[in-house]
Amino acid sequence: MTTSTHTAGHTPIYEELVEEHGDILAEARAAAEHSQRTASQALDWSDLRRRE
């Protein structure tokens, strides 16, 4: 027996939260991707190896 009325693809609670507060998950995802790119650039020492 299931009591959930949730259907795939329809998330009214999430949609309501996005309307009220913005898409926090998308913002967090974008910030994480930016941090990952920044860290990759900071840790890329390939130019130092080429100069030797």
PDB file of N, CA and C in Angstrom:
ATOM      1  N   MET A   1       0.841  -1.182   0.000  1.00  0.00           N
ATOM      2  CA  MET A   1       0.000   0.000   0.000  1.00  0.00           C
ATOM      3  C   MET A   1       0.881   1.238   0.000  1.00  0.00           C
ATOM      4  N   THR A   2       0.613   2.139  -0.917  1.00  0.00           N
ATOM      5  CA  THR A   2       1.348   3.403  -0.958  1.00  0.00           C
ATOM      6  C   THR A   2       0.377   4.552  -0.754  1.00  0.00           C
ATOM      7  N   THR A   3       0.853   5.547  -0.044  1.00  0.00           N
ATOM      8  CA  THR A   3       0.010   6.714   0.217  1.00  0.00           C
ATOM      9  C   THR A   3       0.495   7.934  -0.545  1.00  0.00           C
ATOM     10  N   SER A   4       1.572   7.782  -1.288  1.00  0.00           N
ATOM     11  CA  SER A   4       2.143   8.909  -2.014  1.00  0.00           C
ATOM     12  C   SER A   4       1.358   9.194  -3.287  1.00  0.00           C
ATOM     13  N   THR A   5       1.103  10.476  -3.523  1.00  0.00           N
ATOM     14  CA  THR A   5       0.434  10.875  -4.760  1.00  0.00           C
ATOM     15  C   THR A   5       1.423  11.524  -5.715  1.00  0.00           C
ATOM     16  N   HIS A   6       2.706  11.432  -5.378  1.00  0.00           N
ATOM     17  CA  HIS A   6       3.762  12.022  -6.201  1.00  0.00           C
ATOM     18  C   HIS A   6       3.877  11.265  -7.514  1.00  0.00           C
ATOM     19  N   THR A   7       3.921  12.024  -8.605  1.00  0.00           N
ATOM     20  CA  THR A   7       4.139  11.415  -9.911  1.00  0.00           C
ATOM     21  C   THR A   7       5.438  11.939 -10.485  1.00  0.00           C
ATOM     22  N   ALA A   8       6.097  11.113 -11.256  1.00  0.00           N
ATOM     23  CA  ALA A   8       7.377  11.495 -11.847  1.00  0.00           C
ATOM     24  C   ALA A   8       7.210  12.735 -12.719  1.00  0.00           C
ATOM     25  N   GLY A   9       8.103  13.701 -12.534  1.00  0.00           N
ATOM     26  CA  GLY A   9       8.085  14.892 -13.362  1.00  0.00           C
ATOM     27  C   GLY A   9       7.228  16.023 -12.818  1.00  0.00           C
ATOM     28  N   HIS A  10       6.397  15.773 -11.858  1.00  0.00           N
ATOM     29  CA  HIS A  10       5.548  16.828 -11.300  1.00  0.00           C
ATOM     30  C   HIS A  10       5.869  16.972  -9.821  1.00  0.00           C
ATOM     31  N   THR A  11       6.510  18.064  -9.469  1.00  0.00           N
ATOM     32  CA  THR A  11       6.910  18.293  -8.081  1.00  0.00           C
ATOM     33  C   THR A  11       6.397  19.649  -7.626  1.00  0.00           C
ATOM     34  N   PRO A  12       5.142  19.716  -7.197  1.00  0.00           N
ATOM     35  CA  PRO A  12       4.551  21.010  -6.833  1.00  0.00           C
ATOM     36  C   PRO A  12       5.260  21.704  -5.677  1.00  0.00           C
ATOM     37  N   ILE A  13       5.767  20.946  -4.714  1.00  0.00           N
ATOM     38  CA  ILE A  13       6.449  21.580  -3.585  1.00  0.00           C
ATOM     39  C   ILE A  13       7.719  22.268  -4.079  1.00  0.00           C
ATOM     40  N   TYR A  14       8.503  21.564  -4.896  1.00  0.00           N
ATOM     41  CA  TYR A  14       9.731  22.147  -5.439  1.00  0.00           C
ATOM     42  C   TYR A  14       9.421  23.366  -6.295  1.00  0.00           C
ATOM     43  N   GLU A  15       8.416  23.263  -7.143  1.00  0.00           N
ATOM     44  CA  GLU A  15       8.039  24.390  -8.004  1.00  0.00           C
ATOM     45  C   GLU A  15       7.644  25.607  -7.177  1.00  0.00           C
ATOM     46  N   GLU A  16       6.935  25.380  -6.091  1.00  0.00           N
ATOM     47  CA  GLU A  16       6.522  26.483  -5.217  1.00  0.00           C
ATOM     48  C   GLU A  16       7.735  27.119  -4.539  1.00  0.00           C
ATOM     49  N   LEU A  17       8.671  26.290  -4.087  1.00  0.00           N
ATOM     50  CA  LEU A  17       9.881  26.819  -3.459  1.00  0.00           C
ATOM     51  C   LEU A  17      10.717  27.625  -4.451  1.00  0.00           C
ATOM     52  N   VAL A  18      10.795  27.161  -5.689  1.00  0.00           N
ATOM     53  CA  VAL A  18      11.535  27.895  -6.716  1.00  0.00           C
ATOM     54  C   VAL A  18      10.891  29.252  -6.950  1.00  0.00           C
ATOM     55  N   GLU A  19       9.571  29.292  -6.982  1.00  0.00           N
ATOM     56  CA  GLU A  19       8.876  30.568  -7.159  1.00  0.00           C
ATOM     57  C   GLU A  19       9.178  31.522  -6.013  1.00  0.00           C
ATOM     58  N   GLU A  20       9.222  30.995  -4.790  1.00  0.00           N
ATOM     59  CA  GLU A  20       9.433  31.839  -3.612  1.00  0.00           C
ATOM     60  C   GLU A  20      10.885  32.264  -3.430  1.00  0.00           C
ATOM     61  N   HIS A  21      11.817  31.342  -3.666  1.00  0.00           N
ATOM     62  CA  HIS A  21      13.214  31.588  -3.294  1.00  0.00           C
ATOM     63  C   HIS A  21      14.198  31.540  -4.454  1.00  0.00           C
ATOM     64  N   GLY A  22      13.752  31.236  -5.636  1.00  0.00           N
ATOM     65  CA  GLY A  22      14.667  31.059  -6.761  1.00  0.00           C
ATOM     66  C   GLY A  22      15.142  29.611  -6.806  1.00  0.00           C
ATOM     67  N   ASP A  23      15.798  29.251  -7.871  1.00  0.00           N
ATOM     68  CA  ASP A  23      16.250  27.872  -8.045  1.00  0.00           C
ATOM     69  C   ASP A  23      17.606  27.698  -7.364  1.00  0.00           C
ATOM     70  N   ILE A  24      17.568  27.444  -6.079  1.00  0.00           N
ATOM     71  CA  ILE A  24      18.772  27.326  -5.261  1.00  0.00           C
ATOM     72  C   ILE A  24      19.654  26.185  -5.748  1.00  0.00           C
ATOM     73  N   LEU A  25      19.054  25.067  -6.151  1.00  0.00           N
ATOM     74  CA  LEU A  25      19.851  23.937  -6.632  1.00  0.00           C
ATOM     75  C   LEU A  25      20.639  24.313  -7.881  1.00  0.00           C
ATOM     76  N   ALA A  26      20.021  25.029  -8.792  1.00  0.00           N
ATOM     77  CA  ALA A  26      20.727  25.459 -10.004  1.00  0.00           C
ATOM     78  C   ALA A  26      21.849  26.433  -9.655  1.00  0.00           C
ATOM     79  N   GLU A  27      21.595  27.330  -8.713  1.00  0.00           N
ATOM     80  CA  GLU A  27      22.622  28.277  -8.289  1.00  0.00           C
ATOM     81  C   GLU A  27      23.781  27.552  -7.616  1.00  0.00           C
ATOM     82  N   ALA A  28      23.472  26.581  -6.765  1.00  0.00           N
ATOM     83  CA  ALA A  28      24.517  25.807  -6.092  1.00  0.00           C
ATOM     84  C   ALA A  28      25.320  24.998  -7.105  1.00  0.00           C
ATOM     85  N   ARG A  29      24.638  24.421  -8.080  1.00  0.00           N
ATOM     86  CA  ARG A  29      25.319  23.653  -9.125  1.00  0.00           C
ATOM     87  C   ARG A  29      26.271  24.552  -9.913  1.00  0.00           C
ATOM     88  N   ALA A  30      25.814  25.741 -10.271  1.00  0.00           N
ATOM     89  CA  ALA A  30      26.654  26.683 -11.018  1.00  0.00           C
ATOM     90  C   ALA A  30      27.859  27.118 -10.185  1.00  0.00           C
ATOM     91  N   ALA A  31      27.647  27.365  -8.899  1.00  0.00           N
ATOM     92  CA  ALA A  31      28.749  27.762  -8.019  1.00  0.00           C
ATOM     93  C   ALA A  31      29.761  26.630  -7.876  1.00  0.00           C
ATOM     94  N   ALA A  32      29.281  25.402  -7.771  1.00  0.00           N
ATOM     95  CA  ALA A  32      30.180  24.251  -7.663  1.00  0.00           C
ATOM     96  C   ALA A  32      30.995  24.073  -8.937  1.00  0.00           C
ATOM     97  N   GLU A  33      30.361  24.242 -10.090  1.00  0.00           N
ATOM     98  CA  GLU A  33      31.076  24.123 -11.362  1.00  0.00           C
ATOM     99  C   GLU A  33      32.131  25.214 -11.494  1.00  0.00           C
ATOM    100  N   HIS A  34      31.793  26.422 -11.064  1.00  0.00           N
ATOM    101  CA  HIS A  34      32.752  27.531 -11.106  1.00  0.00           C
ATOM    102  C   HIS A  34      33.934  27.232 -10.187  1.00  0.00           C
ATOM    103  N   SER A  35      33.649  26.741  -8.988  1.00  0.00           N
ATOM    104  CA  SER A  35      34.715  26.400  -8.045  1.00  0.00           C
ATOM    105  C   SER A  35      35.613  25.306  -8.609  1.00  0.00           C
ATOM    106  N   GLN A  36      35.010  24.336  -9.255  1.00  0.00           N
ATOM    107  CA  GLN A  36      35.786  23.245  -9.839  1.00  0.00           C
ATOM    108  C   GLN A  36      36.701  23.760 -10.954  1.00  0.00           C
ATOM    109  N   ARG A  37      36.184  24.640 -11.804  1.00  0.00           N
ATOM    110  CA  ARG A  37      37.014  25.222 -12.873  1.00  0.00           C
ATOM    111  C   ARG A  37      38.157  26.038 -12.282  1.00  0.00           C
ATOM    112  N   THR A  38      37.850  26.842 -11.260  1.00  0.00           N
ATOM    113  CA  THR A  38      38.869  27.670 -10.627  1.00  0.00           C
ATOM    114  C   THR A  38      39.954  26.805  -9.997  1.00  0.00           C
ATOM    115  N   ALA A  39      39.549  25.755  -9.295  1.00  0.00           N
ATOM    116  CA  ALA A  39      40.517  24.855  -8.667  1.00  0.00           C
ATOM    117  C   ALA A  39      41.361  24.147  -9.719  1.00  0.00           C
ATOM    118  N   SER A  40      40.747  23.724 -10.800  1.00  0.00           N
ATOM    119  CA  SER A  40      41.495  23.053 -11.873  1.00  0.00           C
ATOM    120  C   SER A  40      42.546  23.983 -12.460  1.00  0.00           C
ATOM    121  N   GLN A  41      42.184  25.239 -12.665  1.00  0.00           N
ATOM    122  CA  GLN A  41      43.136  26.211 -13.205  1.00  0.00           C
ATOM    123  C   GLN A  41      44.256  26.490 -12.205  1.00  0.00           C
ATOM    124  N   ALA A  42      43.908  26.586 -10.930  1.00  0.00           N
ATOM    125  CA  ALA A  42      44.904  26.877  -9.903  1.00  0.00           C
ATOM    126  C   ALA A  42      45.882  25.716  -9.727  1.00  0.00           C
ATOM    127  N   LEU A  43      45.407  24.506  -9.937  1.00  0.00           N
ATOM    128  CA  LEU A  43      46.243  23.326  -9.731  1.00  0.00           C
ATOM    129  C   LEU A  43      46.877  22.810 -11.016  1.00  0.00           C
ATOM    130  N   ASP A  44      46.679  23.505 -12.112  1.00  0.00           N
ATOM    131  CA  ASP A  44      47.248  23.086 -13.391  1.00  0.00           C
ATOM    132  C   ASP A  44      48.689  23.568 -13.478  1.00  0.00           C
ATOM    133  N   TRP A  45      49.613  22.659 -13.313  1.00  0.00           N
ATOM    134  CA  TRP A  45      51.030  22.996 -13.336  1.00  0.00           C
ATOM    135  C   TRP A  45      51.672  22.588 -14.654  1.00  0.00           C
ATOM    136  N   SER A  46      50.864  22.298 -15.656  1.00  0.00           N
ATOM    137  CA  SER A  46      51.400  21.819 -16.925  1.00  0.00           C
ATOM    138  C   SER A  46      52.308  22.851 -17.590  1.00  0.00           C
ATOM    139  N   ASP A  47      52.032  24.132 -17.418  1.00  0.00           N
ATOM    140  CA  ASP A  47      52.899  25.165 -17.997  1.00  0.00           C
ATOM    141  C   ASP A  47      54.297  25.127 -17.389  1.00  0.00           C
ATOM    142  N   LEU A  48      54.408  24.813 -16.112  1.00  0.00           N
ATOM    143  CA  LEU A  48      55.714  24.749 -15.460  1.00  0.00           C
ATOM    144  C   LEU A  48      56.545  23.610 -16.030  1.00  0.00           C
ATOM    145  N   ARG A  49      55.927  22.507 -16.335  1.00  0.00           N
ATOM    146  CA  ARG A  49      56.647  21.358 -16.891  1.00  0.00           C
ATOM    147  C   ARG A  49      57.160  21.670 -18.295  1.00  0.00           C
ATOM    148  N   ARG A  50      56.410  22.426 -19.056  1.00  0.00           N
ATOM    149  CA  ARG A  50      56.799  22.753 -20.433  1.00  0.00           C
ATOM    150  C   ARG A  50      57.992  23.707 -20.483  1.00  0.00           C
ATOM    151  N   ARG A  51      58.143  24.530 -19.464  1.00  0.00           N
ATOM    152  CA  ARG A  51      59.206  25.547 -19.457  1.00  0.00           C
ATOM    153  C   ARG A  51      60.576  24.947 -19.152  1.00  0.00           C
ATOM    154  N   GLU A  52      60.620  23.786 -18.558  1.00  0.00           N
ATOM    155  CA  GLU A  52      61.907  23.206 -18.138  1.00  0.00           C
ATOM    156  C   GLU A  52      62.735  22.725 -19.273  1.00  0.00           C
TER     157      GLU A  52
END
